[in-house]
């Protein structure tokens, strides 16, 4: 198996939900989107997202979380 260089969670933020997609880049610079899930846009939903992403990724402490920041729904 090739070494994973980077893992990220892309989050599409809406008023009521967070749509998260997990991606990773390997040492050949190939990018793979390997999981997605929808969560409530609430404190509990954010905690569930982080727990889910940590369980899916090879190095949970090094995962990058990225999102679009339009409107006010991303502030939590």
PDB file of N, CA and C in Angstrom:
ATOM      1  N   UNK A   1       0.837  -1.183   0.000  1.00  0.00           N
ATOM      2  CA  UNK A   1       0.000   0.000   0.000  1.00  0.00           C
ATOM      3  C   UNK A   1       0.877   1.240   0.000  1.00  0.00           C
ATOM      4  N   UNK A   2       0.473   2.228  -0.758  1.00  0.00           N
ATOM      5  CA  UNK A   2       1.236   3.460  -0.845  1.00  0.00           C
ATOM      6  C   UNK A   2       1.035   4.323   0.389  1.00  0.00           C
ATOM      7  N   UNK A   3       2.064   5.096   0.680  1.00  0.00           N
ATOM      8  CA  UNK A   3       2.018   5.988   1.827  1.00  0.00           C
ATOM      9  C   UNK A   3       1.021   7.120   1.575  1.00  0.00           C
ATOM     10  N   UNK A   4       0.211   7.428   2.575  1.00  0.00           N
ATOM     11  CA  UNK A   4      -0.745   8.534   2.494  1.00  0.00           C
ATOM     12  C   UNK A   4      -0.048   9.803   2.964  1.00  0.00           C
ATOM     13  N   UNK A   5      -0.060  10.817   2.103  1.00  0.00           N
ATOM     14  CA  UNK A   5       0.585  12.084   2.431  1.00  0.00           C
ATOM     15  C   UNK A   5      -0.338  13.054   3.153  1.00  0.00           C
ATOM     16  N   UNK A   6      -1.612  13.058   2.761  1.00  0.00           N
ATOM     17  CA  UNK A   6      -2.528  14.058   3.295  1.00  0.00           C
ATOM     18  C   UNK A   6      -3.945  13.492   3.297  1.00  0.00           C
ATOM     19  N   UNK A   7      -4.701  13.809   4.352  1.00  0.00           N
ATOM     20  CA  UNK A   7      -6.121  13.467   4.415  1.00  0.00           C
ATOM     21  C   UNK A   7      -6.892  14.724   4.783  1.00  0.00           C
ATOM     22  N   UNK A   8      -8.069  14.882   4.177  1.00  0.00           N
ATOM     23  CA  UNK A   8      -8.868  16.083   4.420  1.00  0.00           C
ATOM     24  C   UNK A   8     -10.346  15.748   4.422  1.00  0.00           C
ATOM     25  N   UNK A   9     -11.089  16.563   5.161  1.00  0.00           N
ATOM     26  CA  UNK A   9     -12.545  16.486   5.178  1.00  0.00           C
ATOM     27  C   UNK A   9     -13.056  17.778   4.554  1.00  0.00           C
ATOM     28  N   UNK A  10     -13.728  17.659   3.423  1.00  0.00           N
ATOM     29  CA  UNK A  10     -14.371  18.807   2.791  1.00  0.00           C
ATOM     30  C   UNK A  10     -15.806  18.875   3.278  1.00  0.00           C
ATOM     31  N   UNK A  11     -16.225  20.029   3.740  1.00  0.00           N
ATOM     32  CA  UNK A  11     -17.555  20.165   4.335  1.00  0.00           C
ATOM     33  C   UNK A  11     -18.352  21.229   3.585  1.00  0.00           C
ATOM     34  N   UNK A  12     -19.501  20.819   3.070  1.00  0.00           N
ATOM     35  CA  UNK A  12     -20.450  21.761   2.487  1.00  0.00           C
ATOM     36  C   UNK A  12     -21.437  22.125   3.592  1.00  0.00           C
ATOM     37  N   UNK A  13     -21.462  23.390   3.962  1.00  0.00           N
ATOM     38  CA  UNK A  13     -22.256  23.848   5.100  1.00  0.00           C
ATOM     39  C   UNK A  13     -23.576  24.439   4.626  1.00  0.00           C
ATOM     40  N   UNK A  14     -24.668  23.944   5.163  1.00  0.00           N
ATOM     41  CA  UNK A  14     -25.997  24.492   4.901  1.00  0.00           C
ATOM     42  C   UNK A  14     -26.657  24.828   6.237  1.00  0.00           C
ATOM     43  N   UNK A  15     -27.807  25.430   6.183  1.00  0.00           N
ATOM     44  CA  UNK A  15     -28.489  25.844   7.416  1.00  0.00           C
ATOM     45  C   UNK A  15     -28.732  24.667   8.354  1.00  0.00           C
ATOM     46  N   UNK A  16     -29.176  23.536   7.818  1.00  0.00           N
ATOM     47  CA  UNK A  16     -29.565  22.413   8.668  1.00  0.00           C
ATOM     48  C   UNK A  16     -28.648  21.207   8.602  1.00  0.00           C
ATOM     49  N   UNK A  17     -27.701  21.207   7.657  1.00  0.00           N
ATOM     50  CA  UNK A  17     -26.863  20.011   7.527  1.00  0.00           C
ATOM     51  C   UNK A  17     -25.446  20.339   7.091  1.00  0.00           C
ATOM     52  N   UNK A  18     -24.559  19.395   7.381  1.00  0.00           N
ATOM     53  CA  UNK A  18     -23.165  19.430   6.961  1.00  0.00           C
ATOM     54  C   UNK A  18     -22.932  18.190   6.110  1.00  0.00           C
ATOM     55  N   UNK A  19     -22.536  18.377   4.871  1.00  0.00           N
ATOM     56  CA  UNK A  19     -22.240  17.244   4.001  1.00  0.00           C
ATOM     57  C   UNK A  19     -20.723  17.133   3.945  1.00  0.00           C
ATOM     58  N   UNK A  20     -20.197  16.020   4.457  1.00  0.00           N
ATOM     59  CA  UNK A  20     -18.752  15.839   4.574  1.00  0.00           C
ATOM     60  C   UNK A  20     -18.261  14.757   3.614  1.00  0.00           C
ATOM     61  N   UNK A  21     -17.158  15.045   2.947  1.00  0.00           N
ATOM     62  CA  UNK A  21     -16.498  14.083   2.071  1.00  0.00           C
ATOM     63  C   UNK A  21     -15.051  13.953   2.504  1.00  0.00           C
ATOM     64  N   UNK A  22     -14.582  12.711   2.625  1.00  0.00           N
ATOM     65  CA  UNK A  22     -13.205  12.446   3.019  1.00  0.00           C
ATOM     66  C   UNK A  22     -12.368  12.163   1.778  1.00  0.00           C
ATOM     67  N   UNK A  23     -11.207  12.781   1.734  1.00  0.00           N
ATOM     68  CA  UNK A  23     -10.287  12.558   0.626  1.00  0.00           C
ATOM     69  C   UNK A  23      -8.883  12.364   1.141  1.00  0.00           C
ATOM     70  N   UNK A  24      -8.070  11.735   0.299  1.00  0.00           N
ATOM     71  CA  UNK A  24      -6.661  11.550   0.673  1.00  0.00           C
ATOM     72  C   UNK A  24      -5.788  11.608  -0.565  1.00  0.00           C
ATOM     73  N   UNK A  25      -4.516  11.955  -0.347  1.00  0.00           N
ATOM     74  CA  UNK A  25      -3.521  11.997  -1.404  1.00  0.00           C
ATOM     75  C   UNK A  25      -2.388  11.047  -1.034  1.00  0.00           C
ATOM     76  N   UNK A  26      -1.981  10.208  -1.974  1.00  0.00           N
ATOM     77  CA  UNK A  26      -0.886   9.270  -1.692  1.00  0.00           C
ATOM     78  C   UNK A  26       0.428   9.794  -2.255  1.00  0.00           C
ATOM     79  N   UNK A  27       1.489   9.030  -2.073  1.00  0.00           N
ATOM     80  CA  UNK A  27       2.815   9.486  -2.468  1.00  0.00           C
ATOM     81  C   UNK A  27       2.984   9.646  -3.977  1.00  0.00           C
ATOM     82  N   UNK A  28       2.111   9.060  -4.775  1.00  0.00           N
ATOM     83  CA  UNK A  28       2.112   9.266  -6.234  1.00  0.00           C
ATOM     84  C   UNK A  28       1.285  10.485  -6.622  1.00  0.00           C
ATOM     85  N   UNK A  29       0.778  11.200  -5.634  1.00  0.00           N
ATOM     86  CA  UNK A  29      -0.060  12.385  -5.783  1.00  0.00           C
ATOM     87  C   UNK A  29      -1.429  12.074  -6.381  1.00  0.00           C
ATOM     88  N   UNK A  30      -1.840  10.810  -6.274  1.00  0.00           N
ATOM     89  CA  UNK A  30      -3.195  10.425  -6.663  1.00  0.00           C
ATOM     90  C   UNK A  30      -4.152  10.851  -5.558  1.00  0.00           C
ATOM     91  N   UNK A  31      -5.312  11.355  -5.952  1.00  0.00           N
ATOM     92  CA  UNK A  31      -6.329  11.798  -4.993  1.00  0.00           C
ATOM     93  C   UNK A  31      -7.506  10.835  -5.039  1.00  0.00           C
ATOM     94  N   UNK A  32      -7.948  10.435  -3.855  1.00  0.00           N
ATOM     95  CA  UNK A  32      -9.078   9.513  -3.739  1.00  0.00           C
ATOM     96  C   UNK A  32     -10.110  10.101  -2.786  1.00  0.00           C
ATOM     97  N   UNK A  33     -11.350  10.182  -3.230  1.00  0.00           N
ATOM     98  CA  UNK A  33     -12.462  10.520  -2.343  1.00  0.00           C
ATOM     99  C   UNK A  33     -13.037   9.193  -1.891  1.00  0.00           C
ATOM    100  N   UNK A  34     -12.982   8.915  -0.588  1.00  0.00           N
ATOM    101  CA  UNK A  34     -13.271   7.557  -0.141  1.00  0.00           C
ATOM    102  C   UNK A  34     -14.470   7.396   0.786  1.00  0.00           C
ATOM    103  N   UNK A  35     -15.090   8.468   1.233  1.00  0.00           N
ATOM    104  CA  UNK A  35     -16.278   8.329   2.092  1.00  0.00           C
ATOM    105  C   UNK A  35     -17.016   9.653   2.152  1.00  0.00           C
ATOM    106  N   UNK A  36     -18.320   9.589   2.375  1.00  0.00           N
ATOM    107  CA  UNK A  36     -19.089  10.810   2.614  1.00  0.00           C
ATOM    108  C   UNK A  36     -20.254  10.487   3.537  1.00  0.00           C
ATOM    109  N   UNK A  37     -20.724  11.517   4.228  1.00  0.00           N
ATOM    110  CA  UNK A  37     -21.834  11.345   5.160  1.00  0.00           C
ATOM    111  C   UNK A  37     -22.436  12.717   5.453  1.00  0.00           C
ATOM    112  N   UNK A  38     -23.706  12.730   5.810  1.00  0.00           N
ATOM    113  CA  UNK A  38     -24.420  13.969   6.133  1.00  0.00           C
ATOM    114  C   UNK A  38     -24.665  14.023   7.641  1.00  0.00           C
ATOM    115  N   UNK A  39     -24.445  15.197   8.220  1.00  0.00           N
ATOM    116  CA  UNK A  39     -24.621  15.413   9.654  1.00  0.00           C
ATOM    117  C   UNK A  39     -25.496  16.639   9.869  1.00  0.00           C
ATOM    118  N   UNK A  40     -26.118  16.715  11.037  1.00  0.00           N
ATOM    119  CA  UNK A  40     -26.897  17.899  11.407  1.00  0.00           C
ATOM    120  C   UNK A  40     -25.940  19.066  11.639  1.00  0.00           C
ATOM    121  N   UNK A  41     -26.350  20.261  11.267  1.00  0.00           N
ATOM    122  CA  UNK A  41     -25.548  21.449  11.550  1.00  0.00           C
ATOM    123  C   UNK A  41     -25.904  21.927  12.957  1.00  0.00           C
ATOM    124  N   UNK A  42     -25.314  21.235  13.933  1.00  0.00           N
ATOM    125  CA  UNK A  42     -25.522  21.521  15.359  1.00  0.00           C
ATOM    126  C   UNK A  42     -24.258  21.093  16.097  1.00  0.00           C
ATOM    127  N   UNK A  43     -24.182  21.427  17.364  1.00  0.00           N
ATOM    128  CA  UNK A  43     -23.008  21.010  18.161  1.00  0.00           C
ATOM    129  C   UNK A  43     -22.854  19.492  18.140  1.00  0.00           C
ATOM    130  N   UNK A  44     -23.963  18.779  18.334  1.00  0.00           N
ATOM    131  CA  UNK A  44     -23.921  17.317  18.321  1.00  0.00           C
ATOM    132  C   UNK A  44     -23.497  16.807  16.942  1.00  0.00           C
ATOM    133  N   UNK A  45     -24.016  17.411  15.882  1.00  0.00           N
ATOM    134  CA  UNK A  45     -23.655  17.005  14.533  1.00  0.00           C
ATOM    135  C   UNK A  45     -22.179  17.216  14.244  1.00  0.00           C
ATOM    136  N   UNK A  46     -21.634  18.343  14.712  1.00  0.00           N
ATOM    137  CA  UNK A  46     -20.207  18.619  14.527  1.00  0.00           C
ATOM    138  C   UNK A  46     -19.368  17.590  15.275  1.00  0.00           C
ATOM    139  N   UNK A  47     -19.751  17.269  16.505  1.00  0.00           N
ATOM    140  CA  UNK A  47     -19.028  16.247  17.266  1.00  0.00           C
ATOM    141  C   UNK A  47     -19.099  14.888  16.575  1.00  0.00           C
ATOM    142  N   UNK A  48     -20.269  14.555  16.034  1.00  0.00           N
ATOM    143  CA  UNK A  48     -20.418  13.289  15.304  1.00  0.00           C
ATOM    144  C   UNK A  48     -19.552  13.266  14.049  1.00  0.00           C
ATOM    145  N   UNK A  49     -19.468  14.394  13.357  1.00  0.00           N
ATOM    146  CA  UNK A  49     -18.623  14.486  12.162  1.00  0.00           C
ATOM    147  C   UNK A  49     -17.161  14.227  12.512  1.00  0.00           C
ATOM    148  N   UNK A  50     -16.673  14.869  13.558  1.00  0.00           N
ATOM    149  CA  UNK A  50     -15.272  14.704  13.961  1.00  0.00           C
ATOM    150  C   UNK A  50     -14.998  13.255  14.381  1.00  0.00           C
ATOM    151  N   UNK A  51     -15.900  12.655  15.128  1.00  0.00           N
ATOM    152  CA  UNK A  51     -15.732  11.247  15.542  1.00  0.00           C
ATOM    153  C   UNK A  51     -15.716  10.324  14.328  1.00  0.00           C
ATOM    154  N   UNK A  52     -16.632  10.550  13.393  1.00  0.00           N
ATOM    155  CA  UNK A  52     -16.706   9.738  12.185  1.00  0.00           C
ATOM    156  C   UNK A  52     -15.427   9.866  11.362  1.00  0.00           C
ATOM    157  N   UNK A  53     -14.972  11.100  11.145  1.00  0.00           N
ATOM    158  CA  UNK A  53     -13.758  11.329  10.353  1.00  0.00           C
ATOM    159  C   UNK A  53     -12.541  10.705  11.035  1.00  0.00           C
ATOM    160  N   UNK A  54     -12.450  10.825  12.340  1.00  0.00           N
ATOM    161  CA  UNK A  54     -11.328  10.233  13.073  1.00  0.00           C
ATOM    162  C   UNK A  54     -11.282   8.724  12.915  1.00  0.00           C
ATOM    163  N   UNK A  55     -12.442   8.090  12.861  1.00  0.00           N
ATOM    164  CA  UNK A  55     -12.497   6.638  12.692  1.00  0.00           C
ATOM    165  C   UNK A  55     -12.208   6.177  11.279  1.00  0.00           C
ATOM    166  N   UNK A  56     -12.350   7.063  10.297  1.00  0.00           N
ATOM    167  CA  UNK A  56     -12.140   6.711   8.894  1.00  0.00           C
ATOM    168  C   UNK A  56     -10.710   6.950   8.416  1.00  0.00           C
ATOM    169  N   UNK A  57      -9.999   7.852   9.063  1.00  0.00           N
ATOM    170  CA  UNK A  57      -8.690   8.292   8.580  1.00  0.00           C
ATOM    171  C   UNK A  57      -7.550   7.549   9.255  1.00  0.00           C
ATOM    172  N   UNK A  58      -6.422   7.470   8.545  1.00  0.00           N
ATOM    173  CA  UNK A  58      -5.273   6.729   9.072  1.00  0.00           C
ATOM    174  C   UNK A  58      -4.550   7.486  10.179  1.00  0.00           C
ATOM    175  N   UNK A  59      -4.524   8.822  10.115  1.00  0.00           N
ATOM    176  CA  UNK A  59      -3.877   9.648  11.136  1.00  0.00           C
ATOM    177  C   UNK A  59      -4.855  10.737  11.566  1.00  0.00           C
ATOM    178  N   UNK A  60      -5.778  10.412  12.460  1.00  0.00           N
ATOM    179  CA  UNK A  60      -6.844  11.363  12.834  1.00  0.00           C
ATOM    180  C   UNK A  60      -6.347  12.732  13.303  1.00  0.00           C
ATOM    181  N   UNK A  61      -5.196  12.795  13.952  1.00  0.00           N
ATOM    182  CA  UNK A  61      -4.696  14.078  14.452  1.00  0.00           C
ATOM    183  C   UNK A  61      -4.218  14.996  13.332  1.00  0.00           C
ATOM    184  N   UNK A  62      -3.897  14.416  12.160  1.00  0.00           N
ATOM    185  CA  UNK A  62      -3.363  15.197  11.052  1.00  0.00           C
ATOM    186  C   UNK A  62      -4.405  15.557   9.994  1.00  0.00           C
ATOM    187  N   UNK A  63      -5.649  15.183  10.199  1.00  0.00           N
ATOM    188  CA  UNK A  63      -6.699  15.452   9.223  1.00  0.00           C
ATOM    189  C   UNK A  63      -6.974  16.952   9.161  1.00  0.00           C
ATOM    190  N   UNK A  64      -7.135  17.463   7.952  1.00  0.00           N
ATOM    191  CA  UNK A  64      -7.475  18.868   7.756  1.00  0.00           C
ATOM    192  C   UNK A  64      -8.963  18.975   7.460  1.00  0.00           C
ATOM    193  N   UNK A  65      -9.611  19.926   8.095  1.00  0.00           N
ATOM    194  CA  UNK A  65     -11.031  20.173   7.878  1.00  0.00           C
ATOM    195  C   UNK A  65     -11.150  21.475   7.087  1.00  0.00           C
ATOM    196  N   UNK A  66     -11.831  21.412   5.939  1.00  0.00           N
ATOM    197  CA  UNK A  66     -12.002  22.595   5.105  1.00  0.00           C
ATOM    198  C   UNK A  66     -13.485  22.763   4.774  1.00  0.00           C
ATOM    199  N   UNK A  67     -13.914  24.014   4.628  1.00  0.00           N
ATOM    200  CA  UNK A  67     -15.327  24.277   4.327  1.00  0.00           C
ATOM    201  C   UNK A  67     -15.449  25.566   3.557  1.00  0.00           C
ATOM    202  N   UNK A  68     -16.595  25.734   2.921  1.00  0.00           N
ATOM    203  CA  UNK A  68     -16.900  27.019   2.304  1.00  0.00           C
ATOM    204  C   UNK A  68     -17.576  27.856   3.372  1.00  0.00           C
ATOM    205  N   UNK A  69     -17.299  29.119   3.367  1.00  0.00           N
ATOM    206  CA  UNK A  69     -17.836  29.987   4.414  1.00  0.00           C
ATOM    207  C   UNK A  69     -18.717  31.066   3.796  1.00  0.00           C
ATOM    208  N   UNK A  70     -19.935  30.675   3.462  1.00  0.00           N
ATOM    209  CA  UNK A  70     -20.886  31.652   2.929  1.00  0.00           C
ATOM    210  C   UNK A  70     -22.028  31.794   3.924  1.00  0.00           C
ATOM    211  N   UNK A  71     -22.589  32.970   3.993  1.00  0.00           N
ATOM    212  CA  UNK A  71     -23.651  33.191   4.968  1.00  0.00           C
ATOM    213  C   UNK A  71     -23.104  33.105   6.381  1.00  0.00           C
ATOM    214  N   UNK A  72     -23.951  32.677   7.307  1.00  0.00           N
ATOM    215  CA  UNK A  72     -23.552  32.587   8.714  1.00  0.00           C
ATOM    216  C   UNK A  72     -23.580  31.156   9.244  1.00  0.00           C
ATOM    217  N   UNK A  73     -23.948  30.191   8.397  1.00  0.00           N
ATOM    218  CA  UNK A  73     -24.161  28.824   8.871  1.00  0.00           C
ATOM    219  C   UNK A  73     -22.883  28.093   9.262  1.00  0.00           C
ATOM    220  N   UNK A  74     -21.734  28.605   8.859  1.00  0.00           N
ATOM    221  CA  UNK A  74     -20.461  27.962   9.168  1.00  0.00           C
ATOM    222  C   UNK A  74     -19.887  28.392  10.519  1.00  0.00           C
ATOM    223  N   UNK A  75     -20.478  29.355  11.177  1.00  0.00           N
ATOM    224  CA  UNK A  75     -19.835  29.979  12.339  1.00  0.00           C
ATOM    225  C   UNK A  75     -19.619  29.041  13.520  1.00  0.00           C
ATOM    226  N   UNK A  76     -20.476  28.082  13.757  1.00  0.00           N
ATOM    227  CA  UNK A  76     -20.243  27.135  14.857  1.00  0.00           C
ATOM    228  C   UNK A  76     -19.048  26.259  14.555  1.00  0.00           C
TER     229      UNK A  76
END
